[in-house]
Amino acid sequence: MTRVAAIDCGTNSIRLLVADANPETGELVDLDRRMVIVRLGQGVDRTGRLAPEALARTFAACREYAAVIKEYGAERLRFVATSASRDAENRDEFVRGVLDILGVEPEVISGDQEAEFSFTGATRELTGRDDLARPFLVVDIGGGSTEFVVGDAHVRAARSVDVGCVRMTERHLVHEGHVSDPPTEAETAAMRADIERALDLAEQTVPLREARTLVGLAGSVTTLSAIHQDLPEYDSAAIHHSRIPYARVREITEWLLRSTHAERAAVPSMHPGRVDVIGAGALVLQAIMERVGAEEVVVSEHDILDGIAWSVA
């Protein structure tokens, strides 16, 4: 077994996994898995730069993670940064800060690499299942981008497009610093049109409609599962490999898009950092399911973070 640490720094959250990995058996044993909402991508779509306060939040989380990694004595660490830091003019400032705190340089990976890690993390446990038809379509709905990957045991085609729960919220629902509460029909329609254009782009590369099993990753999808199950609190074990029928995805999405901030915040499984962006994330999932004709989505708690850990092991 090799003790590894993996950090995934996205547009909305930064996550850590410390695990013991056995490449021979395919076993990955979690020792510590945690997340902090840092909103690194705050305002990037508008300004092209990482905000000072967003960098400060991210560096604070990095210091917390450095202590955890040291405590467990991980032998190897890989830090992967995704959409927001890929787009920002001042990404060098971000790179220097991470290097100072953790001793490794963040790898600002391409959308294709992001998709490969997501697919590996999400499907490694599913490949032996007889009840799931192949090929898989793995969709990782992040804050700034969404990755689409079709494959069986390995990736056949992948594409990253610039729609995510934070990017869609900031582009369509934020006015003079305030989020629409709730969105208007016109705002929702504009968001949906943006998502459909992104799906058109994805479909140029990835045969979305050939998929036989849809696997959904990341916080928007896992939160929808928690709401679907009416969980009294966020429960990873109950969410992992749960299934949400399309009718429920649509019903929950419609509720999220007509609810107020206070109503969404009252959902017991809702992370406070997702309250304002969950409606956009849910709409992305609904649009994907309609495009591919999926009757349900299989929810995975294992995603790009697990794929990064395997790449280190």
C-alpha atoms as a PDB file:
ATOM      1  CA  MET A   1       0.000   0.000   0.000  1.00  0.00           C
ATOM      2  CA  THR A   2       1.179   3.508  -0.809  1.00  0.00           C
ATOM      3  CA  ARG A   3      -0.074   6.434   1.284  1.00  0.00           C
ATOM      4  CA  VAL A   4      -0.945   9.269  -1.060  1.00  0.00           C
ATOM      5  CA  ALA A   5      -2.561  12.688  -0.869  1.00  0.00           C
ATOM      6  CA  ALA A   6      -4.543  14.353  -3.630  1.00  0.00           C
ATOM      7  CA  ILE A   7      -5.889  17.902  -3.773  1.00  0.00           C
ATOM      8  CA  ASP A   8      -8.460  19.064  -6.304  1.00  0.00           C
ATOM      9  CA  CYS A   9      -8.799  22.832  -6.453  1.00  0.00           C
ATOM     10  CA  GLY A  10     -11.810  23.805  -8.512  1.00  0.00           C
ATOM     11  CA  THR A  11     -13.766  26.983  -9.136  1.00  0.00           C
ATOM     12  CA  ASN A  12     -16.019  26.607  -6.099  1.00  0.00           C
ATOM     13  CA  SER A  13     -14.304  24.205  -3.700  1.00  0.00           C
ATOM     14  CA  ILE A  14     -10.935  22.765  -2.722  1.00  0.00           C
ATOM     15  CA  ARG A  15     -10.904  19.127  -1.641  1.00  0.00           C
ATOM     16  CA  LEU A  16      -8.374  16.824  -0.022  1.00  0.00           C
ATOM     17  CA  LEU A  17      -8.102  13.034  -0.055  1.00  0.00           C
ATOM     18  CA  VAL A  18      -5.502  11.122   1.953  1.00  0.00           C
ATOM     19  CA  ALA A  19      -5.699   7.411   1.175  1.00  0.00           C
ATOM     20  CA  ASP A  20      -3.824   4.122   1.138  1.00  0.00           C
ATOM     21  CA  ALA A  21      -3.711   2.818  -2.422  1.00  0.00           C
ATOM     22  CA  ASN A  22      -3.008  -0.694  -3.642  1.00  0.00           C
ATOM     23  CA  PRO A  23      -2.653  -0.599  -7.443  1.00  0.00           C
ATOM     24  CA  GLU A  24      -2.507  -4.411  -7.642  1.00  0.00           C
ATOM     25  CA  THR A  25      -5.935  -4.954  -6.084  1.00  0.00           C
ATOM     26  CA  GLY A  26      -7.507  -1.665  -7.168  1.00  0.00           C
ATOM     27  CA  GLU A  27      -8.259  -0.812  -3.542  1.00  0.00           C
ATOM     28  CA  LEU A  28      -8.266   2.802  -2.376  1.00  0.00           C
ATOM     29  CA  VAL A  29      -8.855   3.145   1.377  1.00  0.00           C
ATOM     30  CA  ASP A  30      -9.868   6.622   2.546  1.00  0.00           C
ATOM     31  CA  LEU A  31      -8.081   7.985   5.594  1.00  0.00           C
ATOM     32  CA  ASP A  32      -9.304  11.572   5.333  1.00  0.00           C
ATOM     33  CA  ARG A  33     -11.588  13.223   2.790  1.00  0.00           C
ATOM     34  CA  ARG A  34     -12.657  16.828   3.262  1.00  0.00           C
ATOM     35  CA  MET A  35     -13.854  19.903   1.401  1.00  0.00           C
ATOM     36  CA  VAL A  36     -13.817  23.659   1.912  1.00  0.00           C
ATOM     37  CA  ILE A  37     -15.885  26.037  -0.233  1.00  0.00           C
ATOM     38  CA  VAL A  38     -13.405  28.793  -1.177  1.00  0.00           C
ATOM     39  CA  ARG A  39     -14.969  30.246  -4.358  1.00  0.00           C
ATOM     40  CA  LEU A  40     -11.560  30.618  -6.033  1.00  0.00           C
ATOM     41  CA  GLY A  41     -13.389  31.469  -9.249  1.00  0.00           C
ATOM     42  CA  GLN A  42     -15.242  34.435  -7.713  1.00  0.00           C
ATOM     43  CA  GLY A  43     -15.578  37.045 -10.464  1.00  0.00           C
ATOM     44  CA  VAL A  44     -13.103  35.361 -12.870  1.00  0.00           C
ATOM     45  CA  ASP A  45     -15.659  35.181 -15.672  1.00  0.00           C
ATOM     46  CA  ARG A  46     -16.086  38.984 -15.442  1.00  0.00           C
ATOM     47  CA  THR A  47     -12.589  40.245 -14.521  1.00  0.00           C
ATOM     48  CA  GLY A  48     -10.254  37.543 -15.835  1.00  0.00           C
ATOM     49  CA  ARG A  49      -8.388  37.632 -12.508  1.00  0.00           C
ATOM     50  CA  LEU A  50      -8.414  35.711  -9.210  1.00  0.00           C
ATOM     51  CA  ALA A  51      -9.757  38.021  -6.494  1.00  0.00           C
ATOM     52  CA  PRO A  52      -7.466  38.754  -3.483  1.00  0.00           C
ATOM     53  CA  GLU A  53     -10.116  37.546  -1.019  1.00  0.00           C
ATOM     54  CA  ALA A  54     -10.612  34.322  -3.033  1.00  0.00           C
ATOM     55  CA  LEU A  55      -6.861  33.661  -2.952  1.00  0.00           C
ATOM     56  CA  ALA A  56      -6.804  34.316   0.807  1.00  0.00           C
ATOM     57  CA  ARG A  57      -9.595  31.780   1.410  1.00  0.00           C
ATOM     58  CA  THR A  58      -7.842  29.210  -0.770  1.00  0.00           C
ATOM     59  CA  PHE A  59      -4.456  29.658   0.933  1.00  0.00           C
ATOM     60  CA  ALA A  60      -6.125  29.293   4.369  1.00  0.00           C
ATOM     61  CA  ALA A  61      -7.576  25.944   3.259  1.00  0.00           C
ATOM     62  CA  CYS A  62      -4.147  24.902   1.911  1.00  0.00           C
ATOM     63  CA  ARG A  63      -2.587  25.562   5.330  1.00  0.00           C
ATOM     64  CA  GLU A  64      -5.258  23.371   6.951  1.00  0.00           C
ATOM     65  CA  TYR A  65      -4.604  20.613   4.412  1.00  0.00           C
ATOM     66  CA  ALA A  66      -0.814  20.824   4.890  1.00  0.00           C
ATOM     67  CA  ALA A  67      -1.306  19.990   8.583  1.00  0.00           C
ATOM     68  CA  VAL A  68      -3.542  16.994   7.747  1.00  0.00           C
ATOM     69  CA  ILE A  69      -1.075  15.626   5.161  1.00  0.00           C
ATOM     70  CA  LYS A  70       1.777  15.928   7.668  1.00  0.00           C
ATOM     71  CA  GLU A  71      -0.286  14.215  10.386  1.00  0.00           C
ATOM     72  CA  TYR A  72      -0.973  11.169   8.189  1.00  0.00           C
ATOM     73  CA  GLY A  73       2.537  11.045   6.746  1.00  0.00           C
ATOM     74  CA  ALA A  74       1.494  10.799   3.099  1.00  0.00           C
ATOM     75  CA  GLU A  75       4.439   9.787   0.916  1.00  0.00           C
ATOM     76  CA  ARG A  76       3.295  11.606  -2.216  1.00  0.00           C
ATOM     77  CA  LEU A  77       1.101  14.605  -2.958  1.00  0.00           C
ATOM     78  CA  ARG A  78      -0.407  15.838  -6.195  1.00  0.00           C
ATOM     79  CA  PHE A  79      -2.231  19.169  -6.401  1.00  0.00           C
ATOM     80  CA  VAL A  80      -4.445  19.652  -9.437  1.00  0.00           C
ATOM     81  CA  ALA A  81      -6.063  22.974 -10.260  1.00  0.00           C
ATOM     82  CA  THR A  82      -8.927  23.247 -12.701  1.00  0.00           C
ATOM     83  CA  SER A  83     -11.053  25.794 -14.487  1.00  0.00           C
ATOM     84  CA  ALA A  84     -10.694  29.064 -12.539  1.00  0.00           C
ATOM     85  CA  SER A  85      -6.910  28.996 -12.278  1.00  0.00           C
ATOM     86  CA  ARG A  86      -6.642  27.924 -15.910  1.00  0.00           C
ATOM     87  CA  ASP A  87      -8.471  31.087 -17.012  1.00  0.00           C
ATOM     88  CA  ALA A  88      -6.947  33.724 -14.703  1.00  0.00           C
ATOM     89  CA  GLU A  89      -4.379  36.343 -15.735  1.00  0.00           C
ATOM     90  CA  ASN A  90      -2.745  36.314 -12.280  1.00  0.00           C
ATOM     91  CA  ARG A  91      -2.478  32.519 -11.932  1.00  0.00           C
ATOM     92  CA  ASP A  92       1.265  32.882 -11.114  1.00  0.00           C
ATOM     93  CA  GLU A  93       0.293  34.435  -7.780  1.00  0.00           C
ATOM     94  CA  PHE A  94      -1.835  31.371  -7.052  1.00  0.00           C
ATOM     95  CA  VAL A  95       0.983  28.982  -8.046  1.00  0.00           C
ATOM     96  CA  ARG A  96       3.524  30.718  -5.790  1.00  0.00           C
ATOM     97  CA  GLY A  97       1.183  30.680  -2.794  1.00  0.00           C
ATOM     98  CA  VAL A  98       0.448  26.963  -3.098  1.00  0.00           C
ATOM     99  CA  LEU A  99       4.143  26.130  -3.551  1.00  0.00           C
ATOM    100  CA  ASP A 100       5.071  28.095  -0.409  1.00  0.00           C
ATOM    101  CA  ILE A 101       2.429  26.347   1.728  1.00  0.00           C
ATOM    102  CA  LEU A 102       2.439  22.757   0.425  1.00  0.00           C
ATOM    103  CA  GLY A 103       5.826  22.400  -1.226  1.00  0.00           C
ATOM    104  CA  VAL A 104       4.361  21.285  -4.553  1.00  0.00           C
ATOM    105  CA  GLU A 105       3.415  23.277  -7.601  1.00  0.00           C
ATOM    106  CA  PRO A 106      -0.241  23.098  -8.601  1.00  0.00           C
ATOM    107  CA  GLU A 107      -0.736  21.474 -11.973  1.00  0.00           C
ATOM    108  CA  VAL A 108      -3.133  23.552 -13.999  1.00  0.00           C
ATOM    109  CA  ILE A 109      -4.438  20.691 -16.080  1.00  0.00           C
ATOM    110  CA  SER A 110      -6.300  20.768 -19.374  1.00  0.00           C
ATOM    111  CA  GLY A 111      -9.978  19.952 -19.620  1.00  0.00           C
ATOM    112  CA  ASP A 112      -9.087  16.644 -21.290  1.00  0.00           C
ATOM    113  CA  GLN A 113      -6.815  15.632 -18.387  1.00  0.00           C
ATOM    114  CA  GLU A 114      -9.547  16.677 -15.966  1.00  0.00           C
ATOM    115  CA  ALA A 115     -11.980  14.410 -17.819  1.00  0.00           C
ATOM    116  CA  GLU A 116      -9.577  11.449 -17.715  1.00  0.00           C
ATOM    117  CA  PHE A 117      -9.125  11.751 -13.936  1.00  0.00           C
ATOM    118  CA  SER A 118     -12.884  12.111 -13.409  1.00  0.00           C
ATOM    119  CA  PHE A 119     -13.635   9.013 -15.474  1.00  0.00           C
ATOM    120  CA  THR A 120     -11.053   6.875 -13.668  1.00  0.00           C
ATOM    121  CA  GLY A 121     -12.231   7.986 -10.233  1.00  0.00           C
ATOM    122  CA  ALA A 122     -15.916   7.514 -11.018  1.00  0.00           C
ATOM    123  CA  THR A 123     -15.897   4.199 -12.881  1.00  0.00           C
ATOM    124  CA  ARG A 124     -13.114   2.127 -11.318  1.00  0.00           C
ATOM    125  CA  GLU A 125     -15.638   0.561  -8.905  1.00  0.00           C
ATOM    126  CA  LEU A 126     -18.397   0.251 -11.513  1.00  0.00           C
ATOM    127  CA  THR A 127     -16.643  -1.689 -14.272  1.00  0.00           C
ATOM    128  CA  GLY A 128     -17.565  -5.096 -12.799  1.00  0.00           C
ATOM    129  CA  ARG A 129     -21.259  -4.305 -12.247  1.00  0.00           C
ATOM    130  CA  ASP A 130     -23.675  -6.427 -14.296  1.00  0.00           C
ATOM    131  CA  ASP A 131     -26.637  -4.095 -13.657  1.00  0.00           C
ATOM    132  CA  LEU A 132     -25.029  -1.112 -15.403  1.00  0.00           C
ATOM    133  CA  ALA A 133     -24.894  -1.093 -19.204  1.00  0.00           C
ATOM    134  CA  ARG A 134     -21.930   0.365 -21.054  1.00  0.00           C
ATOM    135  CA  PRO A 135     -20.641   2.662 -22.338  1.00  0.00           C
ATOM    136  CA  PHE A 136     -20.664   5.038 -19.373  1.00  0.00           C
ATOM    137  CA  LEU A 137     -21.143   8.766 -19.776  1.00  0.00           C
ATOM    138  CA  VAL A 138     -19.466  10.495 -16.837  1.00  0.00           C
ATOM    139  CA  VAL A 139     -20.462  14.128 -16.296  1.00  0.00           C
ATOM    140  CA  ASP A 140     -18.550  16.203 -13.754  1.00  0.00           C
ATOM    141  CA  ILE A 141     -20.522  19.411 -13.135  1.00  0.00           C
ATOM    142  CA  GLY A 142     -18.063  21.795 -11.535  1.00  0.00           C
ATOM    143  CA  GLY A 143     -18.178  25.455 -10.650  1.00  0.00           C
ATOM    144  CA  GLY A 144     -16.665  26.802 -13.856  1.00  0.00           C
ATOM    145  CA  SER A 145     -16.797  23.924 -16.309  1.00  0.00           C
ATOM    146  CA  THR A 146     -18.442  20.571 -16.973  1.00  0.00           C
ATOM    147  CA  GLU A 147     -16.526  17.548 -18.221  1.00  0.00           C
ATOM    148  CA  PHE A 148     -18.140  14.910 -20.439  1.00  0.00           C
ATOM    149  CA  VAL A 149     -16.434  11.548 -20.849  1.00  0.00           C
ATOM    150  CA  VAL A 150     -17.681   8.462 -22.693  1.00  0.00           C
ATOM    151  CA  GLY A 151     -15.902   5.167 -22.230  1.00  0.00           C
ATOM    152  CA  ASP A 152     -16.004   1.523 -21.224  1.00  0.00           C
ATOM    153  CA  ALA A 153     -12.919   0.442 -19.270  1.00  0.00           C
ATOM    154  CA  HIS A 154     -11.048   3.395 -20.787  1.00  0.00           C
ATOM    155  CA  VAL A 155     -11.912   6.827 -22.129  1.00  0.00           C
ATOM    156  CA  ARG A 156     -13.168   6.884 -25.717  1.00  0.00           C
ATOM    157  CA  ALA A 157     -13.942  10.580 -26.015  1.00  0.00           C
ATOM    158  CA  ALA A 158     -13.870  13.581 -23.687  1.00  0.00           C
ATOM    159  CA  ARG A 159     -14.702  17.286 -23.780  1.00  0.00           C
ATOM    160  CA  SER A 160     -14.699  20.108 -21.252  1.00  0.00           C
ATOM    161  CA  VAL A 161     -17.085  23.028 -21.763  1.00  0.00           C
ATOM    162  CA  ASP A 162     -17.362  26.300 -19.869  1.00  0.00           C
ATOM    163  CA  VAL A 163     -20.641  25.830 -18.049  1.00  0.00           C
ATOM    164  CA  GLY A 164     -20.740  25.224 -14.321  1.00  0.00           C
ATOM    165  CA  CYS A 165     -22.882  26.182 -11.353  1.00  0.00           C
ATOM    166  CA  VAL A 166     -20.800  29.241 -10.378  1.00  0.00           C
ATOM    167  CA  ARG A 167     -20.173  30.479 -13.919  1.00  0.00           C
ATOM    168  CA  MET A 168     -23.874  30.208 -14.871  1.00  0.00           C
ATOM    169  CA  THR A 169     -24.983  31.880 -11.629  1.00  0.00           C
ATOM    170  CA  GLU A 170     -22.565  34.786 -11.993  1.00  0.00           C
ATOM    171  CA  ARG A 171     -23.272  35.230 -15.703  1.00  0.00           C
ATOM    172  CA  HIS A 172     -27.070  35.192 -15.509  1.00  0.00           C
ATOM    173  CA  LEU A 173     -28.289  35.609 -11.940  1.00  0.00           C
ATOM    174  CA  VAL A 174     -26.000  38.195 -10.299  1.00  0.00           C
ATOM    175  CA  HIS A 175     -26.918  41.875 -10.657  1.00  0.00           C
ATOM    176  CA  GLU A 176     -25.078  44.641  -8.796  1.00  0.00           C
ATOM    177  CA  GLY A 177     -23.572  42.099  -6.434  1.00  0.00           C
ATOM    178  CA  HIS A 178     -26.850  40.389  -5.556  1.00  0.00           C
ATOM    179  CA  VAL A 179     -28.131  36.969  -6.669  1.00  0.00           C
ATOM    180  CA  SER A 180     -31.687  36.868  -8.031  1.00  0.00           C
ATOM    181  CA  ASP A 181     -33.917  35.433  -5.320  1.00  0.00           C
ATOM    182  CA  PRO A 182     -35.492  33.535  -6.998  1.00  0.00           C
ATOM    183  CA  PRO A 183     -34.439  33.779 -10.684  1.00  0.00           C
ATOM    184  CA  THR A 184     -36.917  35.178 -13.188  1.00  0.00           C
ATOM    185  CA  GLU A 185     -38.234  33.019 -16.025  1.00  0.00           C
ATOM    186  CA  ALA A 186     -36.152  35.080 -18.470  1.00  0.00           C
ATOM    187  CA  GLU A 187     -32.965  34.512 -16.454  1.00  0.00           C
ATOM    188  CA  THR A 188     -33.611  30.769 -16.274  1.00  0.00           C
ATOM    189  CA  ALA A 189     -34.302  30.668 -20.022  1.00  0.00           C
ATOM    190  CA  ALA A 190     -31.036  32.509 -20.767  1.00  0.00           C
ATOM    191  CA  MET A 191     -29.138  30.099 -18.535  1.00  0.00           C
ATOM    192  CA  ARG A 192     -30.758  27.131 -20.252  1.00  0.00           C
ATOM    193  CA  ALA A 193     -29.837  28.508 -23.711  1.00  0.00           C
ATOM    194  CA  ASP A 194     -26.208  28.840 -22.604  1.00  0.00           C
ATOM    195  CA  ILE A 195     -26.219  25.238 -21.362  1.00  0.00           C
ATOM    196  CA  GLU A 196     -27.738  23.965 -24.624  1.00  0.00           C
ATOM    197  CA  ARG A 197     -25.002  25.720 -26.639  1.00  0.00           C
ATOM    198  CA  ALA A 198     -22.397  24.034 -24.443  1.00  0.00           C
ATOM    199  CA  LEU A 199     -24.040  20.646 -25.000  1.00  0.00           C
ATOM    200  CA  ASP A 200     -23.884  21.271 -28.753  1.00  0.00           C
ATOM    201  CA  LEU A 201     -20.122  21.871 -28.376  1.00  0.00           C
ATOM    202  CA  ALA A 202     -19.647  18.762 -26.245  1.00  0.00           C
ATOM    203  CA  GLU A 203     -21.543  16.658 -28.755  1.00  0.00           C
ATOM    204  CA  GLN A 204     -19.115  17.644 -31.522  1.00  0.00           C
ATOM    205  CA  THR A 205     -16.492  15.531 -29.721  1.00  0.00           C
ATOM    206  CA  VAL A 206     -18.342  13.151 -27.406  1.00  0.00           C
ATOM    207  CA  PRO A 207     -21.114  10.804 -28.626  1.00  0.00           C
ATOM    208  CA  LEU A 208     -23.416  11.684 -25.728  1.00  0.00           C
ATOM    209  CA  ARG A 209     -26.415   9.752 -27.033  1.00  0.00           C
ATOM    210  CA  GLU A 210     -24.478   6.464 -27.290  1.00  0.00           C
ATOM    211  CA  ALA A 211     -24.200   6.272 -23.495  1.00  0.00           C
ATOM    212  CA  ARG A 212     -26.156   3.560 -21.711  1.00  0.00           C
ATOM    213  CA  THR A 213     -25.385   4.600 -18.106  1.00  0.00           C
ATOM    214  CA  LEU A 214     -25.133   8.223 -16.953  1.00  0.00           C
ATOM    215  CA  VAL A 215     -22.811   8.763 -13.967  1.00  0.00           C
ATOM    216  CA  GLY A 216     -23.009  12.161 -12.264  1.00  0.00           C
ATOM    217  CA  LEU A 217     -20.226  13.699 -10.175  1.00  0.00           C
ATOM    218  CA  ALA A 218     -19.544  16.685  -7.938  1.00  0.00           C
ATOM    219  CA  GLY A 219     -21.494  18.775  -5.459  1.00  0.00           C
ATOM    220  CA  SER A 220     -24.516  19.774  -7.516  1.00  0.00           C
ATOM    221  CA  VAL A 221     -25.327  16.135  -8.304  1.00  0.00           C
ATOM    222  CA  THR A 222     -24.580  14.758  -4.839  1.00  0.00           C
ATOM    223  CA  THR A 223     -26.689  17.495  -3.237  1.00  0.00           C
ATOM    224  CA  LEU A 224     -29.609  16.606  -5.534  1.00  0.00           C
ATOM    225  CA  SER A 225     -29.277  13.004  -4.353  1.00  0.00           C
ATOM    226  CA  ALA A 226     -29.400  14.112  -0.717  1.00  0.00           C
ATOM    227  CA  ILE A 227     -32.542  16.162  -1.431  1.00  0.00           C
ATOM    228  CA  HIS A 228     -34.100  13.265  -3.380  1.00  0.00           C
ATOM    229  CA  GLN A 229     -33.523  10.940  -0.419  1.00  0.00           C
ATOM    230  CA  ASP A 230     -34.683  13.581   2.075  1.00  0.00           C
ATOM    231  CA  LEU A 231     -31.552  12.995   4.157  1.00  0.00           C
ATOM    232  CA  PRO A 232     -31.478  14.694   7.582  1.00  0.00           C
ATOM    233  CA  GLU A 233     -27.835  15.631   6.895  1.00  0.00           C
ATOM    234  CA  TYR A 234     -25.279  15.130   4.142  1.00  0.00           C
ATOM    235  CA  ASP A 235     -24.370  11.414   4.176  1.00  0.00           C
ATOM    236  CA  SER A 236     -21.689  10.288   1.700  1.00  0.00           C
ATOM    237  CA  ALA A 237     -22.401   6.587   2.231  1.00  0.00           C
ATOM    238  CA  ALA A 238     -26.106   7.020   1.402  1.00  0.00           C
ATOM    239  CA  ILE A 239     -25.337   9.214  -1.610  1.00  0.00           C
ATOM    240  CA  HIS A 240     -22.558   7.117  -3.184  1.00  0.00           C
ATOM    241  CA  HIS A 241     -24.013   4.948  -5.999  1.00  0.00           C
ATOM    242  CA  SER A 242     -27.557   6.161  -5.328  1.00  0.00           C
ATOM    243  CA  ARG A 243     -29.799   6.711  -8.340  1.00  0.00           C
ATOM    244  CA  ILE A 244     -32.067   9.637  -9.147  1.00  0.00           C
ATOM    245  CA  PRO A 245     -34.850   9.190 -11.724  1.00  0.00           C
ATOM    246  CA  TYR A 246     -35.162  11.927 -14.352  1.00  0.00           C
ATOM    247  CA  ALA A 247     -38.633  12.914 -13.087  1.00  0.00           C
ATOM    248  CA  ARG A 248     -37.186  13.691  -9.653  1.00  0.00           C
ATOM    249  CA  VAL A 249     -34.256  15.656 -11.102  1.00  0.00           C
ATOM    250  CA  ARG A 250     -36.729  17.822 -12.990  1.00  0.00           C
ATOM    251  CA  GLU A 251     -39.018  18.232  -9.964  1.00  0.00           C
ATOM    252  CA  ILE A 252     -36.152  19.212  -7.633  1.00  0.00           C
ATOM    253  CA  THR A 253     -34.609  21.554 -10.208  1.00  0.00           C
ATOM    254  CA  GLU A 254     -37.915  23.363 -10.719  1.00  0.00           C
ATOM    255  CA  TRP A 255     -38.264  23.785  -6.949  1.00  0.00           C
ATOM    256  CA  LEU A 256     -34.696  25.079  -6.559  1.00  0.00           C
ATOM    257  CA  LEU A 257     -35.213  27.650  -9.323  1.00  0.00           C
ATOM    258  CA  ARG A 258     -38.414  29.031  -7.808  1.00  0.00           C
ATOM    259  CA  SER A 259     -37.298  28.903  -4.150  1.00  0.00           C
ATOM    260  CA  THR A 260     -35.747  31.707  -2.124  1.00  0.00           C
ATOM    261  CA  HIS A 261     -32.267  31.728  -0.570  1.00  0.00           C
ATOM    262  CA  ALA A 262     -33.839  31.092   2.857  1.00  0.00           C
ATOM    263  CA  GLU A 263     -35.845  28.109   1.602  1.00  0.00           C
ATOM    264  CA  ARG A 264     -32.786  26.498  -0.012  1.00  0.00           C
ATOM    265  CA  ALA A 265     -30.627  27.217   3.044  1.00  0.00           C
ATOM    266  CA  ALA A 266     -33.199  25.387   5.203  1.00  0.00           C
ATOM    267  CA  VAL A 267     -32.531  22.092   3.377  1.00  0.00           C
ATOM    268  CA  PRO A 268     -30.611  20.089   6.029  1.00  0.00           C
ATOM    269  CA  SER A 269     -28.188  18.458   3.559  1.00  0.00           C
ATOM    270  CA  MET A 270     -27.333  21.735   1.775  1.00  0.00           C
ATOM    271  CA  HIS A 271     -23.785  23.049   2.196  1.00  0.00           C
ATOM    272  CA  PRO A 272     -23.971  26.820   2.878  1.00  0.00           C
ATOM    273  CA  GLY A 273     -21.579  27.469  -0.005  1.00  0.00           C
ATOM    274  CA  ARG A 274     -23.978  25.821  -2.485  1.00  0.00           C
ATOM    275  CA  VAL A 275     -27.171  27.663  -1.585  1.00  0.00           C
ATOM    276  CA  ASP A 276     -26.878  30.319  -4.314  1.00  0.00           C
ATOM    277  CA  VAL A 277     -25.418  28.098  -7.074  1.00  0.00           C
ATOM    278  CA  ILE A 278     -27.293  24.804  -6.685  1.00  0.00           C
ATOM    279  CA  GLY A 279     -30.165  25.857  -8.979  1.00  0.00           C
ATOM    280  CA  ALA A 280     -27.799  26.445 -11.891  1.00  0.00           C
ATOM    281  CA  GLY A 281     -25.997  23.151 -11.231  1.00  0.00           C
ATOM    282  CA  ALA A 282     -29.275  21.245 -11.134  1.00  0.00           C
ATOM    283  CA  LEU A 283     -30.366  22.851 -14.411  1.00  0.00           C
ATOM    284  CA  VAL A 284     -27.135  21.678 -16.062  1.00  0.00           C
ATOM    285  CA  LEU A 285     -27.870  18.092 -14.956  1.00  0.00           C
ATOM    286  CA  GLN A 286     -31.484  18.250 -16.126  1.00  0.00           C
ATOM    287  CA  ALA A 287     -30.437  19.532 -19.552  1.00  0.00           C
ATOM    288  CA  ILE A 288     -27.845  16.757 -19.903  1.00  0.00           C
ATOM    289  CA  MET A 289     -30.376  14.059 -18.996  1.00  0.00           C
ATOM    290  CA  GLU A 290     -32.828  15.411 -21.551  1.00  0.00           C
ATOM    291  CA  ARG A 291     -30.146  15.594 -24.257  1.00  0.00           C
ATOM    292  CA  VAL A 292     -29.013  11.975 -23.768  1.00  0.00           C
ATOM    293  CA  GLY A 293     -32.459  10.564 -22.944  1.00  0.00           C
ATOM    294  CA  ALA A 294     -31.298   9.244 -19.555  1.00  0.00           C
ATOM    295  CA  GLU A 295     -34.022   7.770 -17.360  1.00  0.00           C
ATOM    296  CA  GLU A 296     -31.813   8.068 -14.265  1.00  0.00           C
ATOM    297  CA  VAL A 297     -28.410   9.233 -13.098  1.00  0.00           C
ATOM    298  CA  VAL A 298     -26.074   7.078 -10.990  1.00  0.00           C
ATOM    299  CA  VAL A 299     -24.446   9.344  -8.395  1.00  0.00           C
ATOM    300  CA  SER A 300     -20.801   8.858  -7.483  1.00  0.00           C
ATOM    301  CA  GLU A 301     -18.927  10.384  -4.563  1.00  0.00           C
ATOM    302  CA  HIS A 302     -15.736   9.158  -6.221  1.00  0.00           C
ATOM    303  CA  ASP A 303     -14.560  11.497  -8.908  1.00  0.00           C
ATOM    304  CA  ILE A 304     -11.574  13.525 -10.069  1.00  0.00           C
ATOM    305  CA  LEU A 305     -10.090  13.450  -6.548  1.00  0.00           C
ATOM    306  CA  ASP A 306      -9.920   9.640  -6.607  1.00  0.00           C
ATOM    307  CA  GLY A 307      -8.544   9.735 -10.150  1.00  0.00           C
ATOM    308  CA  ILE A 308      -5.774  12.083  -8.994  1.00  0.00           C
ATOM    309  CA  ALA A 309      -4.975   9.761  -6.067  1.00  0.00           C
ATOM    310  CA  TRP A 310      -4.696   6.791  -8.461  1.00  0.00           C
ATOM    311  CA  SER A 311      -2.389   8.770 -10.727  1.00  0.00           C
ATOM    312  CA  VAL A 312      -0.075   9.389  -7.750  1.00  0.00           C
ATOM    313  CA  ALA A 313      -0.191   5.734  -6.649  1.00  0.00           C
END
